[in-house]
C-alpha atoms as a PDB file:
ATOM      1  CA  MET A   1     -23.679  -9.673   7.436  1.00  0.00           C
ATOM      2  CA  PRO A   2     -27.491  -9.256   7.391  1.00  0.00           C
ATOM      3  CA  THR A   3     -28.857  -8.925   3.883  1.00  0.00           C
ATOM      4  CA  ASN A   4     -31.248  -6.090   4.748  1.00  0.00           C
ATOM      5  CA  VAL A   5     -28.684  -3.445   5.612  1.00  0.00           C
ATOM      6  CA  SER A   6     -29.415   0.062   4.369  1.00  0.00           C
ATOM      7  CA  ALA A   7     -27.721   1.989   1.580  1.00  0.00           C
ATOM      8  CA  GLU A   8     -26.356   4.305   4.278  1.00  0.00           C
ATOM      9  CA  TYR A   9     -24.704   1.338   6.014  1.00  0.00           C
ATOM     10  CA  LEU A  10     -23.134   0.142   2.775  1.00  0.00           C
ATOM     11  CA  ALA A  11     -21.832   3.646   2.061  1.00  0.00           C
ATOM     12  CA  ALA A  12     -20.264   3.791   5.538  1.00  0.00           C
ATOM     13  CA  GLN A  13     -18.760   0.328   5.013  1.00  0.00           C
ATOM     14  CA  LYS A  14     -17.159   1.516   1.774  1.00  0.00           C
ATOM     15  CA  LYS A  15     -15.648   4.499   3.618  1.00  0.00           C
ATOM     16  CA  TYR A  16     -14.246   2.096   6.200  1.00  0.00           C
ATOM     17  CA  GLU A  17     -12.670  -0.153   3.574  1.00  0.00           C
ATOM     18  CA  GLU A  18     -11.098   2.821   1.805  1.00  0.00           C
ATOM     19  CA  ALA A  19      -9.897   4.572   4.994  1.00  0.00           C
ATOM     20  CA  ARG A  20      -6.144   5.069   5.175  1.00  0.00           C
ATOM     21  CA  THR A  21      -5.710   6.071   8.821  1.00  0.00           C
ATOM     22  CA  LEU A  22      -6.955   4.904  12.219  1.00  0.00           C
ATOM     23  CA  LYS A  23      -8.887   8.134  12.691  1.00  0.00           C
ATOM     24  CA  GLU A  24     -10.700   7.628   9.378  1.00  0.00           C
ATOM     25  CA  LYS A  25     -11.428   3.996  10.309  1.00  0.00           C
ATOM     26  CA  VAL A  26     -12.906   5.026  13.663  1.00  0.00           C
ATOM     27  CA  THR A  27     -15.131   7.662  12.057  1.00  0.00           C
ATOM     28  CA  ALA A  28     -16.407   5.207   9.450  1.00  0.00           C
ATOM     29  CA  LEU A  29     -17.011   2.484  12.063  1.00  0.00           C
ATOM     30  CA  GLN A  30     -19.053   4.886  14.179  1.00  0.00           C
ATOM     31  CA  GLU A  31     -21.188   5.617  11.131  1.00  0.00           C
ATOM     32  CA  MET A  32     -21.563   1.892  10.383  1.00  0.00           C
ATOM     33  CA  LEU A  33     -22.698   1.270  13.950  1.00  0.00           C
ATOM     34  CA  ARG A  34     -25.276   4.065  13.725  1.00  0.00           C
ATOM     35  CA  GLU A  35     -26.651   2.712  10.441  1.00  0.00           C
ATOM     36  CA  ALA A  36     -26.549  -0.998  11.387  1.00  0.00           C
ATOM     37  CA  PRO A  37     -29.959  -2.765  11.591  1.00  0.00           C
ATOM     38  CA  LYS A  38     -31.501  -2.758  15.050  1.00  0.00           C
ATOM     39  CA  HIS A  39     -33.412  -6.051  14.804  1.00  0.00           C
ATOM     40  CA  LYS A  40     -32.431  -9.195  16.701  1.00  0.00           C
ATOM     41  CA  GLY A  41     -30.889 -10.837  13.650  1.00  0.00           C
ATOM     42  CA  ALA A  42     -28.252  -8.101  13.519  1.00  0.00           C
ATOM     43  CA  GLU A  43     -27.112  -8.433  17.156  1.00  0.00           C
ATOM     44  CA  LYS A  44     -23.922 -10.275  16.173  1.00  0.00           C
ATOM     45  CA  LEU A  45     -23.069  -7.639  13.568  1.00  0.00           C
ATOM     46  CA  ARG A  46     -23.523  -4.791  16.060  1.00  0.00           C
ATOM     47  CA  ALA A  47     -21.462  -6.661  18.654  1.00  0.00           C
ATOM     48  CA  GLU A  48     -18.601  -7.205  16.201  1.00  0.00           C
ATOM     49  CA  LEU A  49     -18.677  -3.560  15.135  1.00  0.00           C
ATOM     50  CA  GLY A  50     -18.707  -2.416  18.751  1.00  0.00           C
ATOM     51  CA  LYS A  51     -15.745  -4.615  19.639  1.00  0.00           C
ATOM     52  CA  ARG A  52     -13.746  -3.411  16.632  1.00  0.00           C
ATOM     53  CA  LEU A  53     -14.598   0.219  17.359  1.00  0.00           C
ATOM     54  CA  ALA A  54     -13.512  -0.090  21.000  1.00  0.00           C
ATOM     55  CA  ARG A  55     -10.199  -1.643  20.007  1.00  0.00           C
ATOM     56  CA  MET A  56      -9.461   1.024  17.404  1.00  0.00           C
ATOM     57  CA  LYS A  57     -10.403   3.840  19.753  1.00  0.00           C
ATOM     58  CA  GLU A  58      -7.972   2.414  22.294  1.00  0.00           C
ATOM     59  CA  GLU A  59      -5.220   2.218  19.689  1.00  0.00           C
ATOM     60  CA  LEU A  60      -5.989   5.785  18.552  1.00  0.00           C
ATOM     61  CA  LYS A  61      -5.633   6.905  22.167  1.00  0.00           C
ATOM     62  CA  LYS A  62      -2.294   5.087  22.468  1.00  0.00           C
ATOM     63  CA  GLU A  63      -1.149   6.612  19.183  1.00  0.00           C
ATOM     64  CA  LYS A  64      -1.784  10.116  20.547  1.00  0.00           C
ATOM     65  CA  GLN A  65       0.111   9.247  23.721  1.00  0.00           C
ATOM     66  CA  ARG A  66       3.055   7.943  21.728  1.00  0.00           C
ATOM     67  CA  LYS A  67       3.248  11.176  19.766  1.00  0.00           C
ATOM     68  CA  LYS A  68       3.519  13.074  23.042  1.00  0.00           C
ATOM     69  CA  GLY A  69       6.070  10.667  24.520  1.00  0.00           C
ATOM     70  CA  ARG A  70       8.431   8.222  22.936  1.00  0.00           C
ATOM     71  CA  ARG A  71       9.340   7.971  19.289  1.00  0.00           C
ATOM     72  CA  SER A  72       6.608   6.462  17.137  1.00  0.00           C
ATOM     73  CA  LEU A  73       7.109   3.435  14.892  1.00  0.00           C
ATOM     74  CA  ALA A  74       5.333   5.285  12.077  1.00  0.00           C
ATOM     75  CA  VAL A  75       7.072   5.322   8.689  1.00  0.00           C
ATOM     76  CA  LYS A  76       6.977   8.388   6.441  1.00  0.00           C
ATOM     77  CA  LYS A  77       5.568   7.277   3.124  1.00  0.00           C
ATOM     78  CA  GLN A  78       7.512   8.099  -0.039  1.00  0.00           C
ATOM     79  CA  GLY A  79       5.624   7.328  -3.236  1.00  0.00           C
ATOM     80  CA  PHE A  80       4.316   3.799  -3.803  1.00  0.00           C
ATOM     81  CA  GLN A  81       4.953   1.723  -0.695  1.00  0.00           C
ATOM     82  CA  ILE A  82       5.084  -2.044  -0.148  1.00  0.00           C
ATOM     83  CA  CYS A  83       5.099  -3.600   3.318  1.00  0.00           C
ATOM     84  CA  ILE A  84       6.817  -6.933   4.011  1.00  0.00           C
ATOM     85  CA  ILE A  85       5.062  -8.803   6.808  1.00  0.00           C
ATOM     86  CA  GLY A  86       5.210 -12.351   8.064  1.00  0.00           C
ATOM     87  CA  SER A  87       5.725 -14.901  10.777  1.00  0.00           C
ATOM     88  CA  PRO A  88       8.906 -14.935  12.899  1.00  0.00           C
ATOM     89  CA  ASN A  89      12.177 -15.935  11.207  1.00  0.00           C
ATOM     90  CA  THR A  90      10.803 -16.408   7.687  1.00  0.00           C
ATOM     91  CA  GLY A  91      13.356 -14.349   5.742  1.00  0.00           C
ATOM     92  CA  LYS A  92      11.667 -10.948   5.686  1.00  0.00           C
ATOM     93  CA  SER A  93      14.939  -9.077   6.275  1.00  0.00           C
ATOM     94  CA  THR A  94      16.714 -11.198   3.668  1.00  0.00           C
ATOM     95  CA  LEU A  95      14.103 -10.222   1.080  1.00  0.00           C
ATOM     96  CA  LEU A  96      14.324  -6.541   2.041  1.00  0.00           C
ATOM     97  CA  LYS A  97      18.102  -6.616   1.617  1.00  0.00           C
ATOM     98  CA  LYS A  98      17.808  -8.404  -1.740  1.00  0.00           C
ATOM     99  CA  LEU A  99      15.284  -5.930  -3.145  1.00  0.00           C
ATOM    100  CA  THR A 100      16.578  -2.634  -1.748  1.00  0.00           C
ATOM    101  CA  ASN A 101      19.554  -0.625  -0.507  1.00  0.00           C
ATOM    102  CA  ALA A 102      18.647  -1.412   3.109  1.00  0.00           C
ATOM    103  CA  ASN A 103      21.016  -3.374   5.348  1.00  0.00           C
ATOM    104  CA  PRO A 104      18.844  -4.849   8.112  1.00  0.00           C
ATOM    105  CA  LYS A 105      20.203  -7.138  10.813  1.00  0.00           C
ATOM    106  CA  ILE A 106      19.833 -10.775   9.754  1.00  0.00           C
ATOM    107  CA  ALA A 107      20.130 -13.642  12.234  1.00  0.00           C
ATOM    108  CA  GLY A 108      18.970 -17.227  12.596  1.00  0.00           C
ATOM    109  CA  TYR A 109      16.660 -16.566  15.525  1.00  0.00           C
ATOM    110  CA  PRO A 110      13.128 -15.124  15.724  1.00  0.00           C
ATOM    111  CA  PHE A 111      12.298 -11.432  16.272  1.00  0.00           C
ATOM    112  CA  THR A 112      15.637 -10.113  15.027  1.00  0.00           C
ATOM    113  CA  THR A 113      13.791  -7.107  13.602  1.00  0.00           C
ATOM    114  CA  THR A 114      12.512  -4.914  16.444  1.00  0.00           C
ATOM    115  CA  LYS A 115      11.466  -1.811  14.494  1.00  0.00           C
ATOM    116  CA  PRO A 116      10.380  -1.054  10.919  1.00  0.00           C
ATOM    117  CA  GLU A 117      13.232  -1.234   8.410  1.00  0.00           C
ATOM    118  CA  VAL A 118      12.976   0.892   5.258  1.00  0.00           C
ATOM    119  CA  GLY A 119      14.643   0.614   1.866  1.00  0.00           C
ATOM    120  CA  MET A 120      14.123   1.853  -1.686  1.00  0.00           C
ATOM    121  CA  MET A 121      13.730  -0.657  -4.504  1.00  0.00           C
ATOM    122  CA  GLU A 122      14.992   0.537  -7.880  1.00  0.00           C
ATOM    123  CA  SER A 123      13.304  -0.839 -10.977  1.00  0.00           C
ATOM    124  CA  LYS A 124      14.357   0.507 -14.374  1.00  0.00           C
ATOM    125  CA  GLY A 125      14.759   4.004 -12.997  1.00  0.00           C
ATOM    126  CA  ALA A 126      11.658   3.993 -10.778  1.00  0.00           C
ATOM    127  CA  LEU A 127      11.816   3.907  -6.979  1.00  0.00           C
ATOM    128  CA  ILE A 128       9.464   1.921  -4.750  1.00  0.00           C
ATOM    129  CA  GLN A 129       9.577   2.208  -0.971  1.00  0.00           C
ATOM    130  CA  VAL A 130       9.728  -1.151   0.819  1.00  0.00           C
ATOM    131  CA  VAL A 131       9.085  -1.417   4.564  1.00  0.00           C
ATOM    132  CA  GLU A 132       9.714  -4.509   6.662  1.00  0.00           C
ATOM    133  CA  ILE A 133       7.904  -4.617   9.993  1.00  0.00           C
ATOM    134  CA  PRO A 134       8.698  -6.909  12.955  1.00  0.00           C
ATOM    135  CA  ALA A 135       7.140 -10.380  12.901  1.00  0.00           C
ATOM    136  CA  LEU A 136       3.388 -10.611  13.498  1.00  0.00           C
ATOM    137  CA  GLU A 137       1.740 -13.233  15.685  1.00  0.00           C
ATOM    138  CA  ARG A 138      -1.696 -14.551  16.538  1.00  0.00           C
ATOM    139  CA  GLY A 139      -3.589 -11.716  18.240  1.00  0.00           C
ATOM    140  CA  ALA A 140      -1.717  -9.010  16.323  1.00  0.00           C
ATOM    141  CA  ALA A 141      -4.940  -7.030  15.778  1.00  0.00           C
ATOM    142  CA  ASP A 142      -4.987  -6.411  19.532  1.00  0.00           C
ATOM    143  CA  LYS A 143      -1.340  -6.737  20.610  1.00  0.00           C
ATOM    144  CA  GLN A 144       0.490  -5.230  17.616  1.00  0.00           C
ATOM    145  CA  ALA A 145      -1.922  -2.541  16.476  1.00  0.00           C
ATOM    146  CA  GLU A 146       0.855   0.019  15.971  1.00  0.00           C
ATOM    147  CA  LEU A 147       2.539  -2.246  13.444  1.00  0.00           C
ATOM    148  CA  LEU A 148      -0.734  -2.975  11.682  1.00  0.00           C
ATOM    149  CA  SER A 149      -1.323   0.770  11.436  1.00  0.00           C
ATOM    150  CA  ILE A 150       1.758   0.907   9.193  1.00  0.00           C
ATOM    151  CA  VAL A 151       0.327  -1.889   7.053  1.00  0.00           C
ATOM    152  CA  MET A 152      -3.005  -0.055   6.860  1.00  0.00           C
ATOM    153  CA  ASN A 153      -1.342   2.946   5.221  1.00  0.00           C
ATOM    154  CA  THR A 154       0.717   0.987   2.691  1.00  0.00           C
ATOM    155  CA  ASP A 155      -0.219   0.352  -0.956  1.00  0.00           C
ATOM    156  CA  GLY A 156       0.613  -3.346  -1.148  1.00  0.00           C
ATOM    157  CA  ILE A 157       1.765  -6.267   0.986  1.00  0.00           C
ATOM    158  CA  ILE A 158       4.259  -9.102   0.650  1.00  0.00           C
ATOM    159  CA  MET A 159       3.407 -11.780   3.229  1.00  0.00           C
ATOM    160  CA  ILE A 160       5.980 -14.488   4.031  1.00  0.00           C
ATOM    161  CA  THR A 161       4.982 -17.558   6.039  1.00  0.00           C
ATOM    162  CA  ARG A 162       6.138 -21.149   6.440  1.00  0.00           C
ATOM    163  CA  ASN A 163       2.812 -22.852   5.734  1.00  0.00           C
ATOM    164  CA  GLN A 164      -0.881 -22.314   5.031  1.00  0.00           C
ATOM    165  CA  ASP A 165      -1.804 -22.304   8.739  1.00  0.00           C
ATOM    166  CA  GLU A 166       0.519 -19.370   9.428  1.00  0.00           C
ATOM    167  CA  GLN A 167      -0.799 -17.545   6.369  1.00  0.00           C
ATOM    168  CA  ASP A 168      -4.402 -18.060   7.503  1.00  0.00           C
ATOM    169  CA  ILE A 169      -3.592 -16.746  10.992  1.00  0.00           C
ATOM    170  CA  LEU A 170      -1.982 -13.556   9.682  1.00  0.00           C
ATOM    171  CA  GLN A 171      -4.720 -13.037   7.097  1.00  0.00           C
ATOM    172  CA  ARG A 172      -7.341 -13.212   9.851  1.00  0.00           C
ATOM    173  CA  GLU A 173      -5.436 -10.583  11.819  1.00  0.00           C
ATOM    174  CA  LEU A 174      -5.398  -8.293   8.773  1.00  0.00           C
ATOM    175  CA  ASP A 175      -9.103  -8.877   8.213  1.00  0.00           C
ATOM    176  CA  GLU A 176      -9.860  -8.219  11.876  1.00  0.00           C
ATOM    177  CA  PHE A 177      -8.007  -4.913  11.647  1.00  0.00           C
ATOM    178  CA  GLY A 178      -9.859  -3.979   8.470  1.00  0.00           C
ATOM    179  CA  ILE A 179      -6.846  -4.176   6.161  1.00  0.00           C
ATOM    180  CA  LYS A 180      -7.593  -5.042   2.538  1.00  0.00           C
ATOM    181  CA  LYS A 181      -4.596  -4.587   0.261  1.00  0.00           C
ATOM    182  CA  PRO A 182      -3.294  -6.435  -2.808  1.00  0.00           C
ATOM    183  CA  THR A 183      -1.004  -9.105  -1.371  1.00  0.00           C
ATOM    184  CA  ILE A 184       1.782 -11.316  -2.685  1.00  0.00           C
ATOM    185  CA  TYR A 185       1.927 -14.554  -0.670  1.00  0.00           C
ATOM    186  CA  LEU A 186       5.344 -16.210  -0.375  1.00  0.00           C
ATOM    187  CA  ARG A 187       6.640 -19.226   1.498  1.00  0.00           C
ATOM    188  CA  TYR A 188       9.904 -19.282   3.469  1.00  0.00           C
ATOM    189  CA  LYS A 189      12.887 -19.132   1.049  1.00  0.00           C
ATOM    190  CA  GLU A 190      10.605 -18.657  -1.967  1.00  0.00           C
ATOM    191  CA  GLU A 191      12.174 -16.294  -4.497  1.00  0.00           C
ATOM    192  CA  ILE A 192      10.606 -13.281  -6.197  1.00  0.00           C
ATOM    193  CA  ASP A 193      12.201 -10.669  -8.429  1.00  0.00           C
ATOM    194  CA  LYS A 194      11.533  -6.992  -8.913  1.00  0.00           C
ATOM    195  CA  GLU A 195       9.755  -7.361 -12.243  1.00  0.00           C
ATOM    196  CA  ASP A 196       7.262  -9.835 -10.765  1.00  0.00           C
ATOM    197  CA  ILE A 197       6.523  -7.326  -7.994  1.00  0.00           C
ATOM    198  CA  VAL A 198       6.017  -4.460 -10.440  1.00  0.00           C
ATOM    199  CA  LYS A 199       3.661  -6.558 -12.579  1.00  0.00           C
ATOM    200  CA  PHE A 200       1.681  -7.897  -9.616  1.00  0.00           C
ATOM    201  CA  PHE A 201       0.935  -4.425  -8.272  1.00  0.00           C
ATOM    202  CA  LYS A 202       0.069  -3.233 -11.807  1.00  0.00           C
ATOM    203  CA  LEU A 203       2.682  -0.492 -11.991  1.00  0.00           C
ATOM    204  CA  ILE A 204       4.202   1.101 -15.079  1.00  0.00           C
ATOM    205  CA  ARG A 205       7.398   3.087 -15.592  1.00  0.00           C
ATOM    206  CA  VAL A 206       7.255   6.127 -17.864  1.00  0.00           C
ATOM    207  CA  TYR A 207      10.213   8.242 -18.986  1.00  0.00           C
ATOM    208  CA  THR A 208      10.287  11.892 -20.001  1.00  0.00           C
ATOM    209  CA  LYS A 209      12.179  13.981 -22.523  1.00  0.00           C
ATOM    210  CA  GLU A 210      12.569  17.635 -23.399  1.00  0.00           C
ATOM    211  CA  PRO A 211      11.831  18.731 -26.988  1.00  0.00           C
ATOM    212  CA  GLY A 212      14.950  18.251 -29.082  1.00  0.00           C
ATOM    213  CA  GLU A 213      16.723  16.275 -26.330  1.00  0.00           C
ATOM    214  CA  ASP A 214      17.264  12.587 -25.628  1.00  0.00           C
ATOM    215  CA  ALA A 215      14.975  10.865 -23.158  1.00  0.00           C
ATOM    216  CA  ASP A 216      16.100  10.584 -19.535  1.00  0.00           C
ATOM    217  CA  MET A 217      16.192   6.810 -19.133  1.00  0.00           C
ATOM    218  CA  GLU A 218      17.863   6.971 -15.717  1.00  0.00           C
ATOM    219  CA  ARG A 219      14.758   8.234 -13.925  1.00  0.00           C
ATOM    220  CA  ALA A 220      11.212   7.010 -14.418  1.00  0.00           C
ATOM    221  CA  LEU A 221       7.802   8.135 -13.238  1.00  0.00           C
ATOM    222  CA  LEU A 222       6.023   5.321 -11.391  1.00  0.00           C
ATOM    223  CA  LEU A 223       2.335   5.137 -12.259  1.00  0.00           C
ATOM    224  CA  LYS A 224      -0.533   2.674 -12.000  1.00  0.00           C
ATOM    225  CA  GLU A 225      -1.721   0.773 -15.047  1.00  0.00           C
ATOM    226  CA  GLY A 226      -4.295   2.848 -16.881  1.00  0.00           C
ATOM    227  CA  ALA A 227      -2.591   6.150 -16.032  1.00  0.00           C
ATOM    228  CA  THR A 228      -2.912   8.921 -18.612  1.00  0.00           C
ATOM    229  CA  VAL A 229      -0.618  11.643 -19.921  1.00  0.00           C
ATOM    230  CA  LEU A 230      -2.402  13.999 -17.528  1.00  0.00           C
ATOM    231  CA  ASP A 231      -1.653  11.685 -14.579  1.00  0.00           C
ATOM    232  CA  ALA A 232       2.023  11.698 -15.553  1.00  0.00           C
ATOM    233  CA  ALA A 233       2.020  15.498 -15.742  1.00  0.00           C
ATOM    234  CA  LYS A 234       0.496  15.716 -12.239  1.00  0.00           C
ATOM    235  CA  LYS A 235       3.250  13.422 -10.982  1.00  0.00           C
ATOM    236  CA  ILE A 236       5.890  15.923 -12.103  1.00  0.00           C
ATOM    237  CA  HIS A 237       4.237  18.905 -10.421  1.00  0.00           C
ATOM    238  CA  LYS A 238       0.758  19.526  -9.064  1.00  0.00           C
ATOM    239  CA  ASP A 239       0.438  22.704 -11.167  1.00  0.00           C
ATOM    240  CA  PHE A 240       2.293  21.478 -14.258  1.00  0.00           C
ATOM    241  CA  TYR A 241      -0.718  19.692 -15.730  1.00  0.00           C
ATOM    242  CA  LYS A 242      -2.862  22.855 -15.680  1.00  0.00           C
ATOM    243  CA  ASN A 243      -0.878  24.358 -18.549  1.00  0.00           C
ATOM    244  CA  LEU A 244      -0.441  21.132 -20.501  1.00  0.00           C
ATOM    245  CA  LYS A 245      -1.639  21.383 -24.112  1.00  0.00           C
ATOM    246  CA  PHE A 246      -0.620  18.013 -25.525  1.00  0.00           C
ATOM    247  CA  ALA A 247       2.183  15.448 -25.460  1.00  0.00           C
ATOM    248  CA  ARG A 248       4.199  13.301 -27.834  1.00  0.00           C
ATOM    249  CA  VAL A 249       4.717   9.621 -27.048  1.00  0.00           C
ATOM    250  CA  TRP A 250       7.306   7.056 -28.085  1.00  0.00           C
ATOM    251  CA  GLY A 251       6.623   3.410 -27.358  1.00  0.00           C
ATOM    252  CA  SER A 252       2.954   2.468 -27.299  1.00  0.00           C
ATOM    253  CA  SER A 253       1.961   5.087 -29.877  1.00  0.00           C
ATOM    254  CA  LYS A 254       1.171   4.177 -33.492  1.00  0.00           C
ATOM    255  CA  PHE A 255       4.389   5.860 -34.621  1.00  0.00           C
ATOM    256  CA  PRO A 256       7.358   7.426 -32.761  1.00  0.00           C
ATOM    257  CA  GLY A 257       6.631  10.872 -31.407  1.00  0.00           C
ATOM    258  CA  GLN A 258       2.907  10.708 -32.112  1.00  0.00           C
ATOM    259  CA  ARG A 259       0.984  13.690 -30.790  1.00  0.00           C
ATOM    260  CA  VAL A 260      -1.561  12.521 -28.210  1.00  0.00           C
ATOM    261  CA  GLU A 261      -4.202  14.153 -26.064  1.00  0.00           C
ATOM    262  CA  LYS A 262      -4.178  14.465 -22.282  1.00  0.00           C
ATOM    263  CA  GLU A 263      -6.324  11.361 -21.751  1.00  0.00           C
ATOM    264  CA  TYR A 264      -4.024   9.066 -23.735  1.00  0.00           C
ATOM    265  CA  LYS A 265      -3.332   5.928 -21.648  1.00  0.00           C
ATOM    266  CA  LEU A 266       0.353   5.232 -21.200  1.00  0.00           C
ATOM    267  CA  LYS A 267       2.083   1.855 -21.185  1.00  0.00           C
ATOM    268  CA  ASP A 268       5.127   0.547 -19.336  1.00  0.00           C
ATOM    269  CA  GLY A 269       8.324   1.892 -20.927  1.00  0.00           C
ATOM    270  CA  ASP A 270       6.691   4.787 -22.770  1.00  0.00           C
ATOM    271  CA  ILE A 271       8.617   8.026 -23.317  1.00  0.00           C
ATOM    272  CA  VAL A 272       6.602  11.243 -23.009  1.00  0.00           C
ATOM    273  CA  GLU A 273       7.435  14.735 -24.218  1.00  0.00           C
ATOM    274  CA  PHE A 274       5.151  17.336 -22.629  1.00  0.00           C
ATOM    275  CA  HIS A 275       4.123  20.523 -24.413  1.00  0.00           C
ATOM    276  CA  ILE A 276       2.710  23.478 -22.466  1.00  0.00           C
END
């Protein structure tokens, strides 16, 4: 990228990187193209932006047509979502079945999975949505844009490949499509457990209790590391936090049941008692 790009270009680039949908990506790319330098040294940059914009506009057009016609491959997001992607026949369905309540078809031949498979991973009372998409190949940014649109909207990725060459190919496809997500890289038959996944994506599980009652340890709020008492309150109900006065915390607090303010940062395993 040319070093003399404007602040407006960098702002548009940030919007593009943070965009969650194809429509948002297209809008940000159009802005990047408008703000890109016009001198000869930036010709390659403008050409790359133009090519990417044309491809995404075409996919956006196809997406609209799919909504009018056949059933879309889109997956309704439920809370924190992880997408399992990878090369053909690398054990993606096996991992999905191991981690969740899903029961995908598993066979010893490539492309067994023909549509997204969805399951819920339970971890100490918290639920994480896990989506497996059909195998990706070289050229996926052009040929499998609908599948990559699912990956674009997810919160994290688990990529399974047989070797470094396959990983590099899929990573280039993600980069070409503008997807930048925290990613766990696994090799075929490599094991990973739920706790490693939770730690990698920097998630915490927080439990709640009513005053005078025992904590509900069967259900946990799933939050990102650094989340506050106020963030936890918002997770329960969008209006609940407005009336929150303070909370009591068991776990990371200096003593059990310590009264804390709204901005108190919670830790994994904390128990919170809200007072409104």
